[in-house]
Amino acid sequence: MEKKETTIDDLAIMIKHGFDQVATKDELRGLDQRLDFVDQRLDKLEEIQKDIFEELNATHADVAYMRRTLDPMVRNDIAQDEVIENLGTRVERLEHKAKFA
């Protein structure tokens, strides 16, 4: 295989092609403006994420408070149901002995 020699014209074409691939200052300014816009959007997104995190923490605290508050009430309600059922049974026995039923 024979090597082709690179001429000055070939070299000039390669350099021109390389420069054609380089971004212009105007293109870079546009990119800079877009990056600034993206940074602003990311800052806003971080604020939103922080707000969501704070709301989730507050909601978790509210749920924990409700559990602590409702737990004794539920236990008390169950105990009262048992007492009422027991009293119902006793009233039935008394009525039966007194021949009301």
PDB file of N, CA and C in Angstrom:
ATOM      1  N   MET A   1       0.847  -1.167   0.000  1.00  0.00           N
ATOM      2  CA  MET A   1       0.000   0.000   0.000  1.00  0.00           C
ATOM      3  C   MET A   1       0.897   1.236   0.000  1.00  0.00           C
ATOM      4  N   GLU A   2       0.589   2.095  -0.890  1.00  0.00           N
ATOM      5  CA  GLU A   2       1.409   3.277  -1.082  1.00  0.00           C
ATOM      6  C   GLU A   2       0.845   4.436  -0.273  1.00  0.00           C
ATOM      7  N   LYS A   3       1.731   5.144   0.453  1.00  0.00           N
ATOM      8  CA  LYS A   3       1.302   6.289   1.253  1.00  0.00           C
ATOM      9  C   LYS A   3       1.128   7.501   0.350  1.00  0.00           C
ATOM     10  N   LYS A   4       0.028   8.237   0.582  1.00  0.00           N
ATOM     11  CA  LYS A   4      -0.215   9.464  -0.157  1.00  0.00           C
ATOM     12  C   LYS A   4       0.409  10.600   0.622  1.00  0.00           C
ATOM     13  N   GLU A   5       1.127  11.412  -0.048  1.00  0.00           N
ATOM     14  CA  GLU A   5       1.755  12.549   0.602  1.00  0.00           C
ATOM     15  C   GLU A   5       0.717  13.647   0.793  1.00  0.00           C
ATOM     16  N   THR A   6       0.799  14.301   1.965  1.00  0.00           N
ATOM     17  CA  THR A   6      -0.105  15.393   2.263  1.00  0.00           C
ATOM     18  C   THR A   6       0.479  16.674   1.698  1.00  0.00           C
ATOM     19  N   THR A   7      -0.351  17.338   0.906  1.00  0.00           N
ATOM     20  CA  THR A   7       0.111  18.592   0.299  1.00  0.00           C
ATOM     21  C   THR A   7      -0.322  19.761   1.160  1.00  0.00           C
ATOM     22  N   ILE A   8       0.197  20.921   0.811  1.00  0.00           N
ATOM     23  CA  ILE A   8      -0.186  22.146   1.511  1.00  0.00           C
ATOM     24  C   ILE A   8      -1.679  22.374   1.321  1.00  0.00           C
ATOM     25  N   ASP A   9      -2.198  22.100   0.161  1.00  0.00           N
ATOM     26  CA  ASP A   9      -3.644  22.268  -0.091  1.00  0.00           C
ATOM     27  C   ASP A   9      -4.461  21.325   0.789  1.00  0.00           C
ATOM     28  N   ASP A  10      -3.993  20.059   0.925  1.00  0.00           N
ATOM     29  CA  ASP A  10      -4.686  19.095   1.802  1.00  0.00           C
ATOM     30  C   ASP A  10      -4.691  19.608   3.242  1.00  0.00           C
ATOM     31  N   LEU A  11      -3.545  20.102   3.669  1.00  0.00           N
ATOM     32  CA  LEU A  11      -3.419  20.629   5.020  1.00  0.00           C
ATOM     33  C   LEU A  11      -4.347  21.827   5.224  1.00  0.00           C
ATOM     34  N   ALA A  12      -4.425  22.707   4.227  1.00  0.00           N
ATOM     35  CA  ALA A  12      -5.301  23.884   4.306  1.00  0.00           C
ATOM     36  C   ALA A  12      -6.768  23.439   4.401  1.00  0.00           C
ATOM     37  N   ILE A  13      -7.151  22.425   3.642  1.00  0.00           N
ATOM     38  CA  ILE A  13      -8.533  21.918   3.691  1.00  0.00           C
ATOM     39  C   ILE A  13      -8.831  21.340   5.079  1.00  0.00           C
ATOM     40  N   MET A  14      -7.884  20.589   5.637  1.00  0.00           N
ATOM     41  CA  MET A  14      -8.088  20.004   6.974  1.00  0.00           C
ATOM     42  C   MET A  14      -8.216  21.099   8.032  1.00  0.00           C
ATOM     43  N   ILE A  15      -7.397  22.144   7.922  1.00  0.00           N
ATOM     44  CA  ILE A  15      -7.456  23.243   8.894  1.00  0.00           C
ATOM     45  C   ILE A  15      -8.781  23.988   8.761  1.00  0.00           C
ATOM     46  N   LYS A  16      -9.196  24.240   7.525  1.00  0.00           N
ATOM     47  CA  LYS A  16     -10.477  24.916   7.302  1.00  0.00           C
ATOM     48  C   LYS A  16     -11.621  24.082   7.876  1.00  0.00           C
ATOM     49  N   HIS A  17     -11.581  22.779   7.629  1.00  0.00           N
ATOM     50  CA  HIS A  17     -12.628  21.894   8.178  1.00  0.00           C
ATOM     51  C   HIS A  17     -12.633  21.973   9.712  1.00  0.00           C
ATOM     52  N   GLY A  18     -11.463  21.999  10.328  1.00  0.00           N
ATOM     53  CA  GLY A  18     -11.363  22.118  11.784  1.00  0.00           C
ATOM     54  C   GLY A  18     -11.951  23.417  12.283  1.00  0.00           C
ATOM     55  N   PHE A  19     -11.642  24.515  11.601  1.00  0.00           N
ATOM     56  CA  PHE A  19     -12.191  25.808  12.005  1.00  0.00           C
ATOM     57  C   PHE A  19     -13.696  25.879  11.781  1.00  0.00           C
ATOM     58  N   ASP A  20     -14.183  25.176  10.763  1.00  0.00           N
ATOM     59  CA  ASP A  20     -15.626  25.149  10.518  1.00  0.00           C
ATOM     60  C   ASP A  20     -16.367  24.483  11.681  1.00  0.00           C
ATOM     61  N   GLN A  21     -15.689  23.599  12.388  1.00  0.00           N
ATOM     62  CA  GLN A  21     -16.303  22.887  13.502  1.00  0.00           C
ATOM     63  C   GLN A  21     -16.266  23.677  14.807  1.00  0.00           C
ATOM     64  N   VAL A  22     -15.498  24.759  14.862  1.00  0.00           N
ATOM     65  CA  VAL A  22     -15.354  25.560  16.078  1.00  0.00           C
ATOM     66  C   VAL A  22     -16.546  26.508  16.203  1.00  0.00           C
ATOM     67  N   ALA A  23     -17.062  26.642  17.426  1.00  0.00           N
ATOM     68  CA  ALA A  23     -18.199  27.539  17.674  1.00  0.00           C
ATOM     69  C   ALA A  23     -17.750  28.993  17.601  1.00  0.00           C
ATOM     70  N   THR A  24     -18.660  29.831  17.135  1.00  0.00           N
ATOM     71  CA  THR A  24     -18.368  31.266  17.071  1.00  0.00           C
ATOM     72  C   THR A  24     -18.682  31.913  18.419  1.00  0.00           C
ATOM     73  N   LYS A  25     -18.219  33.137  18.594  1.00  0.00           N
ATOM     74  CA  LYS A  25     -18.502  33.873  19.831  1.00  0.00           C
ATOM     75  C   LYS A  25     -20.008  34.054  20.011  1.00  0.00           C
ATOM     76  N   ASP A  26     -20.701  34.344  18.908  1.00  0.00           N
ATOM     77  CA  ASP A  26     -22.157  34.520  18.993  1.00  0.00           C
ATOM     78  C   ASP A  26     -22.843  33.226  19.439  1.00  0.00           C
ATOM     79  N   GLU A  27     -22.365  32.099  18.914  1.00  0.00           N
ATOM     80  CA  GLU A  27     -22.942  30.817  19.314  1.00  0.00           C
ATOM     81  C   GLU A  27     -22.680  30.557  20.799  1.00  0.00           C
ATOM     82  N   LEU A  28     -21.485  30.909  21.236  1.00  0.00           N
ATOM     83  CA  LEU A  28     -21.152  30.707  22.653  1.00  0.00           C
ATOM     84  C   LEU A  28     -21.959  31.643  23.549  1.00  0.00           C
ATOM     85  N   ARG A  29     -22.242  32.872  23.097  1.00  0.00           N
ATOM     86  CA  ARG A  29     -23.085  33.777  23.882  1.00  0.00           C
ATOM     87  C   ARG A  29     -24.479  33.183  24.049  1.00  0.00           C
ATOM     88  N   GLY A  30     -25.009  32.651  22.963  1.00  0.00           N
ATOM     89  CA  GLY A  30     -26.327  32.010  23.036  1.00  0.00           C
ATOM     90  C   GLY A  30     -26.311  30.847  24.006  1.00  0.00           C
ATOM     91  N   LEU A  31     -25.241  30.066  23.967  1.00  0.00           N
ATOM     92  CA  LEU A  31     -25.109  28.947  24.894  1.00  0.00           C
ATOM     93  C   LEU A  31     -25.022  29.442  26.331  1.00  0.00           C
ATOM     94  N   ASP A  32     -24.281  30.522  26.546  1.00  0.00           N
ATOM     95  CA  ASP A  32     -24.147  31.105  27.874  1.00  0.00           C
ATOM     96  C   ASP A  32     -25.510  31.557  28.403  1.00  0.00           C
ATOM     97  N   GLN A  33     -26.307  32.186  27.537  1.00  0.00           N
ATOM     98  CA  GLN A  33     -27.643  32.625  27.949  1.00  0.00           C
ATOM     99  C   GLN A  33     -28.522  31.423  28.293  1.00  0.00           C
ATOM    100  N   ARG A  34     -28.411  30.366  27.503  1.00  0.00           N
ATOM    101  CA  ARG A  34     -29.209  29.160  27.793  1.00  0.00           C
ATOM    102  C   ARG A  34     -28.769  28.520  29.096  1.00  0.00           C
ATOM    103  N   LEU A  35     -27.457  28.522  29.346  1.00  0.00           N
ATOM    104  CA  LEU A  35     -26.966  27.959  30.607  1.00  0.00           C
ATOM    105  C   LEU A  35     -27.447  28.779  31.795  1.00  0.00           C
ATOM    106  N   ASP A  36     -27.462  30.111  31.649  1.00  0.00           N
ATOM    107  CA  ASP A  36     -28.006  30.961  32.715  1.00  0.00           C
ATOM    108  C   ASP A  36     -29.466  30.626  32.975  1.00  0.00           C
ATOM    109  N   PHE A  37     -30.228  30.423  31.896  1.00  0.00           N
ATOM    110  CA  PHE A  37     -31.644  30.067  32.029  1.00  0.00           C
ATOM    111  C   PHE A  37     -31.794  28.731  32.756  1.00  0.00           C
ATOM    112  N   VAL A  38     -30.964  27.751  32.369  1.00  0.00           N
ATOM    113  CA  VAL A  38     -31.010  26.434  33.022  1.00  0.00           C
ATOM    114  C   VAL A  38     -30.660  26.571  34.495  1.00  0.00           C
ATOM    115  N   ASP A  39     -29.640  27.376  34.823  1.00  0.00           N
ATOM    116  CA  ASP A  39     -29.259  27.596  36.227  1.00  0.00           C
ATOM    117  C   ASP A  39     -30.417  28.192  37.025  1.00  0.00           C
ATOM    118  N   GLN A  40     -31.110  29.163  36.419  1.00  0.00           N
ATOM    119  CA  GLN A  40     -32.254  29.780  37.097  1.00  0.00           C
ATOM    120  C   GLN A  40     -33.345  28.742  37.341  1.00  0.00           C
ATOM    121  N   ARG A  41     -33.590  27.906  36.341  1.00  0.00           N
ATOM    122  CA  ARG A  41     -34.624  26.873  36.479  1.00  0.00           C
ATOM    123  C   ARG A  41     -34.226  25.857  37.550  1.00  0.00           C
ATOM    124  N   LEU A  42     -32.944  25.515  37.592  1.00  0.00           N
ATOM    125  CA  LEU A  42     -32.471  24.569  38.614  1.00  0.00           C
ATOM    126  C   LEU A  42     -32.610  25.171  40.012  1.00  0.00           C
ATOM    127  N   ASP A  43     -32.310  26.469  40.137  1.00  0.00           N
ATOM    128  CA  ASP A  43     -32.476  27.133  41.430  1.00  0.00           C
ATOM    129  C   ASP A  43     -33.941  27.069  41.862  1.00  0.00           C
ATOM    130  N   LYS A  44     -34.841  27.339  40.916  1.00  0.00           N
ATOM    131  CA  LYS A  44     -36.281  27.291  41.215  1.00  0.00           C
ATOM    132  C   LYS A  44     -36.687  25.867  41.601  1.00  0.00           C
ATOM    133  N   LEU A  45     -36.160  24.885  40.872  1.00  0.00           N
ATOM    134  CA  LEU A  45     -36.472  23.489  41.169  1.00  0.00           C
ATOM    135  C   LEU A  45     -35.992  23.118  42.569  1.00  0.00           C
ATOM    136  N   GLU A  46     -34.814  23.585  42.944  1.00  0.00           N
ATOM    137  CA  GLU A  46     -34.298  23.312  44.288  1.00  0.00           C
ATOM    138  C   GLU A  46     -35.197  23.931  45.351  1.00  0.00           C
ATOM    139  N   GLU A  47     -35.714  25.135  45.089  1.00  0.00           N
ATOM    140  CA  GLU A  47     -36.647  25.773  46.029  1.00  0.00           C
ATOM    141  C   GLU A  47     -37.921  24.937  46.168  1.00  0.00           C
ATOM    142  N   ILE A  48     -38.421  24.468  45.039  1.00  0.00           N
ATOM    143  CA  ILE A  48     -39.646  23.654  45.058  1.00  0.00           C
ATOM    144  C   ILE A  48     -39.392  22.362  45.822  1.00  0.00           C
ATOM    145  N   GLN A  49     -38.250  21.721  45.570  1.00  0.00           N
ATOM    146  CA  GLN A  49     -37.920  20.489  46.284  1.00  0.00           C
ATOM    147  C   GLN A  49     -37.814  20.743  47.788  1.00  0.00           C
ATOM    148  N   LYS A  50     -37.228  21.865  48.164  1.00  0.00           N
ATOM    149  CA  LYS A  50     -37.102  22.203  49.586  1.00  0.00           C
ATOM    150  C   LYS A  50     -38.493  22.376  50.209  1.00  0.00           C
ATOM    151  N   ASP A  51     -39.382  23.089  49.488  1.00  0.00           N
ATOM    152  CA  ASP A  51     -40.751  23.283  49.986  1.00  0.00           C
ATOM    153  C   ASP A  51     -41.472  21.947  50.139  1.00  0.00           C
ATOM    154  N   ILE A  52     -41.325  21.067  49.152  1.00  0.00           N
ATOM    155  CA  ILE A  52     -41.969  19.751  49.217  1.00  0.00           C
ATOM    156  C   ILE A  52     -41.429  18.961  50.404  1.00  0.00           C
ATOM    157  N   PHE A  53     -40.124  18.995  50.603  1.00  0.00           N
ATOM    158  CA  PHE A  53     -39.508  18.287  51.721  1.00  0.00           C
ATOM    159  C   PHE A  53     -40.041  18.802  53.056  1.00  0.00           C
ATOM    160  N   GLU A  54     -40.147  20.131  53.182  1.00  0.00           N
ATOM    161  CA  GLU A  54     -40.675  20.713  54.414  1.00  0.00           C
ATOM    162  C   GLU A  54     -42.128  20.307  54.639  1.00  0.00           C
ATOM    163  N   GLU A  55     -42.928  20.301  53.575  1.00  0.00           N
ATOM    164  CA  GLU A  55     -44.332  19.888  53.688  1.00  0.00           C
ATOM    165  C   GLU A  55     -44.439  18.416  54.089  1.00  0.00           C
ATOM    166  N   LEU A  56     -43.600  17.569  53.505  1.00  0.00           N
ATOM    167  CA  LEU A  56     -43.617  16.149  53.870  1.00  0.00           C
ATOM    168  C   LEU A  56     -43.241  15.954  55.334  1.00  0.00           C
ATOM    169  N   ASN A  57     -42.250  16.695  55.795  1.00  0.00           N
ATOM    170  CA  ASN A  57     -41.860  16.598  57.208  1.00  0.00           C
ATOM    171  C   ASN A  57     -42.999  17.053  58.120  1.00  0.00           C
ATOM    172  N   ALA A  58     -43.658  18.147  57.731  1.00  0.00           N
ATOM    173  CA  ALA A  58     -44.776  18.652  58.536  1.00  0.00           C
ATOM    174  C   ALA A  58     -45.922  17.639  58.539  1.00  0.00           C
ATOM    175  N   THR A  59     -46.190  17.046  57.384  1.00  0.00           N
ATOM    176  CA  THR A  59     -47.255  16.043  57.294  1.00  0.00           C
ATOM    177  C   THR A  59     -46.923  14.836  58.159  1.00  0.00           C
ATOM    178  N   HIS A  60     -45.668  14.413  58.119  1.00  0.00           N
ATOM    179  CA  HIS A  60     -45.248  13.278  58.950  1.00  0.00           C
ATOM    180  C   HIS A  60     -45.442  13.598  60.433  1.00  0.00           C
ATOM    181  N   ALA A  61     -45.076  14.803  60.824  1.00  0.00           N
ATOM    182  CA  ALA A  61     -45.246  15.210  62.227  1.00  0.00           C
ATOM    183  C   ALA A  61     -46.730  15.240  62.598  1.00  0.00           C
ATOM    184  N   ASP A  62     -47.582  15.728  61.693  1.00  0.00           N
ATOM    185  CA  ASP A  62     -49.028  15.766  61.949  1.00  0.00           C
ATOM    186  C   ASP A  62     -49.593  14.362  62.117  1.00  0.00           C
ATOM    187  N   VAL A  63     -49.178  13.449  61.247  1.00  0.00           N
ATOM    188  CA  VAL A  63     -49.671  12.066  61.322  1.00  0.00           C
ATOM    189  C   VAL A  63     -49.207  11.418  62.627  1.00  0.00           C
ATOM    190  N   ALA A  64     -47.953  11.650  62.996  1.00  0.00           N
ATOM    191  CA  ALA A  64     -47.445  11.084  64.253  1.00  0.00           C
ATOM    192  C   ALA A  64     -48.238  11.629  65.441  1.00  0.00           C
ATOM    193  N   TYR A  65     -48.551  12.929  65.424  1.00  0.00           N
ATOM    194  CA  TYR A  65     -49.344  13.535  66.494  1.00  0.00           C
ATOM    195  C   TYR A  65     -50.741  12.911  66.537  1.00  0.00           C
ATOM    196  N   MET A  66     -51.355  12.732  65.378  1.00  0.00           N
ATOM    197  CA  MET A  66     -52.699  12.145  65.337  1.00  0.00           C
ATOM    198  C   MET A  66     -52.684  10.713  65.882  1.00  0.00           C
ATOM    199  N   ARG A  67     -51.657   9.963  65.529  1.00  0.00           N
ATOM    200  CA  ARG A  67     -51.567   8.587  66.054  1.00  0.00           C
ATOM    201  C   ARG A  67     -51.454   8.592  67.572  1.00  0.00           C
ATOM    202  N   ARG A  68     -50.577   9.483  68.081  1.00  0.00           N
ATOM    203  CA  ARG A  68     -50.425   9.545  69.542  1.00  0.00           C
ATOM    204  C   ARG A  68     -51.718   9.979  70.218  1.00  0.00           C
ATOM    205  N   THR A  69     -52.462  10.880  69.591  1.00  0.00           N
ATOM    206  CA  THR A  69     -53.699  11.394  70.175  1.00  0.00           C
ATOM    207  C   THR A  69     -54.831  10.379  70.062  1.00  0.00           C
ATOM    208  N   LEU A  70     -54.936   9.718  68.913  1.00  0.00           N
ATOM    209  CA  LEU A  70     -56.061   8.817  68.680  1.00  0.00           C
ATOM    210  C   LEU A  70     -55.888   7.448  69.330  1.00  0.00           C
ATOM    211  N   ASP A  71     -54.661   7.016  69.510  1.00  0.00           N
ATOM    212  CA  ASP A  71     -54.426   5.693  70.098  1.00  0.00           C
ATOM    213  C   ASP A  71     -55.148   5.504  71.434  1.00  0.00           C
ATOM    214  N   PRO A  72     -54.974   6.423  72.397  1.00  0.00           N
ATOM    215  CA  PRO A  72     -55.693   6.249  73.669  1.00  0.00           C
ATOM    216  C   PRO A  72     -57.207   6.312  73.491  1.00  0.00           C
ATOM    217  N   MET A  73     -57.674   7.145  72.561  1.00  0.00           N
ATOM    218  CA  MET A  73     -59.121   7.241  72.327  1.00  0.00           C
ATOM    219  C   MET A  73     -59.681   5.928  71.795  1.00  0.00           C
ATOM    220  N   VAL A  74     -58.951   5.314  70.882  1.00  0.00           N
ATOM    221  CA  VAL A  74     -59.402   4.035  70.314  1.00  0.00           C
ATOM    222  C   VAL A  74     -59.420   2.967  71.402  1.00  0.00           C
ATOM    223  N   ARG A  75     -58.364   2.926  72.209  1.00  0.00           N
ATOM    224  CA  ARG A  75     -58.326   1.944  73.295  1.00  0.00           C
ATOM    225  C   ARG A  75     -59.477   2.183  74.272  1.00  0.00           C
ATOM    226  N   ASN A  76     -59.751   3.452  74.585  1.00  0.00           N
ATOM    227  CA  ASN A  76     -60.848   3.797  75.491  1.00  0.00           C
ATOM    228  C   ASN A  76     -62.188   3.390  74.885  1.00  0.00           C
ATOM    229  N   ASP A  77     -62.357   3.607  73.587  1.00  0.00           N
ATOM    230  CA  ASP A  77     -63.592   3.241  72.896  1.00  0.00           C
ATOM    231  C   ASP A  77     -63.806   1.731  72.947  1.00  0.00           C
ATOM    232  N   ILE A  78     -62.757   0.975  72.746  1.00  0.00           N
ATOM    233  CA  ILE A  78     -62.860  -0.490  72.808  1.00  0.00           C
ATOM    234  C   ILE A  78     -63.234  -0.924  74.222  1.00  0.00           C
ATOM    235  N   ALA A  79     -62.602  -0.305  75.224  1.00  0.00           N
ATOM    236  CA  ALA A  79     -62.915  -0.643  76.617  1.00  0.00           C
ATOM    237  C   ALA A  79     -64.368  -0.305  76.939  1.00  0.00           C
ATOM    238  N   GLN A  80     -64.862   0.838  76.451  1.00  0.00           N
ATOM    239  CA  GLN A  80     -66.258   1.211  76.693  1.00  0.00           C
ATOM    240  C   GLN A  80     -67.215   0.237  76.014  1.00  0.00           C
ATOM    241  N   ASP A  81     -66.877  -0.209  74.823  1.00  0.00           N
ATOM    242  CA  ASP A  81     -67.713  -1.208  74.133  1.00  0.00           C
ATOM    243  C   ASP A  81     -67.815  -2.485  74.960  1.00  0.00           C
ATOM    244  N   GLU A  82     -66.700  -2.904  75.545  1.00  0.00           N
ATOM    245  CA  GLU A  82     -66.712  -4.115  76.372  1.00  0.00           C
ATOM    246  C   GLU A  82     -67.595  -3.907  77.609  1.00  0.00           C
ATOM    247  N   VAL A  83     -67.510  -2.726  78.241  1.00  0.00           N
ATOM    248  CA  VAL A  83     -68.319  -2.434  79.424  1.00  0.00           C
ATOM    249  C   VAL A  83     -69.805  -2.433  79.052  1.00  0.00           C
ATOM    250  N   ILE A  84     -70.138  -1.789  77.932  1.00  0.00           N
ATOM    251  CA  ILE A  84     -71.546  -1.733  77.489  1.00  0.00           C
ATOM    252  C   ILE A  84     -72.069  -3.128  77.198  1.00  0.00           C
ATOM    253  N   GLU A  85     -71.242  -3.946  76.533  1.00  0.00           N
ATOM    254  CA  GLU A  85     -71.671  -5.320  76.241  1.00  0.00           C
ATOM    255  C   GLU A  85     -71.895  -6.103  77.533  1.00  0.00           C
ATOM    256  N   ASN A  86     -70.995  -5.922  78.495  1.00  0.00           N
ATOM    257  CA  ASN A  86     -71.117  -6.585  79.787  1.00  0.00           C
ATOM    258  C   ASN A  86     -72.393  -6.126  80.503  1.00  0.00           C
ATOM    259  N   LEU A  87     -72.661  -4.813  80.482  1.00  0.00           N
ATOM    260  CA  LEU A  87     -73.872  -4.291  81.130  1.00  0.00           C
ATOM    261  C   LEU A  87     -75.129  -4.826  80.435  1.00  0.00           C
ATOM    262  N   GLY A  88     -75.092  -4.936  79.119  1.00  0.00           N
ATOM    263  CA  GLY A  88     -76.234  -5.488  78.386  1.00  0.00           C
ATOM    264  C   GLY A  88     -76.526  -6.911  78.819  1.00  0.00           C
ATOM    265  N   THR A  89     -75.489  -7.686  78.962  1.00  0.00           N
ATOM    266  CA  THR A  89     -75.656  -9.078  79.411  1.00  0.00           C
ATOM    267  C   THR A  89     -76.235  -9.124  80.821  1.00  0.00           C
ATOM    268  N   ARG A  90     -75.730  -8.275  81.702  1.00  0.00           N
ATOM    269  CA  ARG A  90     -76.233  -8.256  83.083  1.00  0.00           C
ATOM    270  C   ARG A  90     -77.688  -7.815  83.137  1.00  0.00           C
ATOM    271  N   VAL A  91     -78.084  -6.815  82.326  1.00  0.00           N
ATOM    272  CA  VAL A  91     -79.474  -6.354  82.302  1.00  0.00           C
ATOM    273  C   VAL A  91     -80.384  -7.491  81.820  1.00  0.00           C
ATOM    274  N   GLU A  92     -79.936  -8.210  80.801  1.00  0.00           N
ATOM    275  CA  GLU A  92     -80.748  -9.344  80.310  1.00  0.00           C
ATOM    276  C   GLU A  92     -80.969 -10.373  81.409  1.00  0.00           C
ATOM    277  N   ARG A  93     -79.927 -10.684  82.154  1.00  0.00           N
ATOM    278  CA  ARG A  93     -80.074 -11.653  83.256  1.00  0.00           C
ATOM    279  C   ARG A  93     -81.051 -11.138  84.319  1.00  0.00           C
ATOM    280  N   LEU A  94     -80.890  -9.856  84.683  1.00  0.00           N
ATOM    281  CA  LEU A  94     -81.783  -9.281  85.701  1.00  0.00           C
ATOM    282  C   LEU A  94     -83.234  -9.283  85.226  1.00  0.00           C
ATOM    283  N   GLU A  95     -83.453  -8.902  83.964  1.00  0.00           N
ATOM    284  CA  GLU A  95     -84.807  -8.910  83.427  1.00  0.00           C
ATOM    285  C   GLU A  95     -85.382 -10.316  83.432  1.00  0.00           C
ATOM    286  N   HIS A  96     -84.541 -11.287  83.087  1.00  0.00           N
ATOM    287  CA  HIS A  96     -85.010 -12.666  83.072  1.00  0.00           C
ATOM    288  C   HIS A  96     -85.369 -13.129  84.489  1.00  0.00           C
ATOM    289  N   LYS A  97     -84.534 -12.790  85.475  1.00  0.00           N
ATOM    290  CA  LYS A  97     -84.846 -13.166  86.841  1.00  0.00           C
ATOM    291  C   LYS A  97     -86.071 -12.445  87.361  1.00  0.00           C
ATOM    292  N   ALA A  98     -86.236 -11.171  86.931  1.00  0.00           N
ATOM    293  CA  ALA A  98     -87.394 -10.400  87.391  1.00  0.00           C
ATOM    294  C   ALA A  98     -88.617 -10.708  86.532  1.00  0.00           C
ATOM    295  N   LYS A  99     -88.453 -11.557  85.557  1.00  0.00           N
ATOM    296  CA  LYS A  99     -89.528 -11.983  84.642  1.00  0.00           C
ATOM    297  C   LYS A  99     -90.093 -10.808  83.841  1.00  0.00           C
ATOM    298  N   PHE A 100     -89.187  -9.890  83.439  1.00  0.00           N
ATOM    299  CA  PHE A 100     -89.598  -8.789  82.546  1.00  0.00           C
ATOM    300  C   PHE A 100     -89.500  -9.237  81.103  1.00  0.00           C
ATOM    301  N   ALA A 101     -88.711 -10.186  80.844  1.00  0.00           N
ATOM    302  CA  ALA A 101     -88.492 -10.586  79.447  1.00  0.00           C
ATOM    303  C   ALA A 101     -89.124 -11.907  79.128  1.00  0.00           C
TER     304      ALA A 101
END
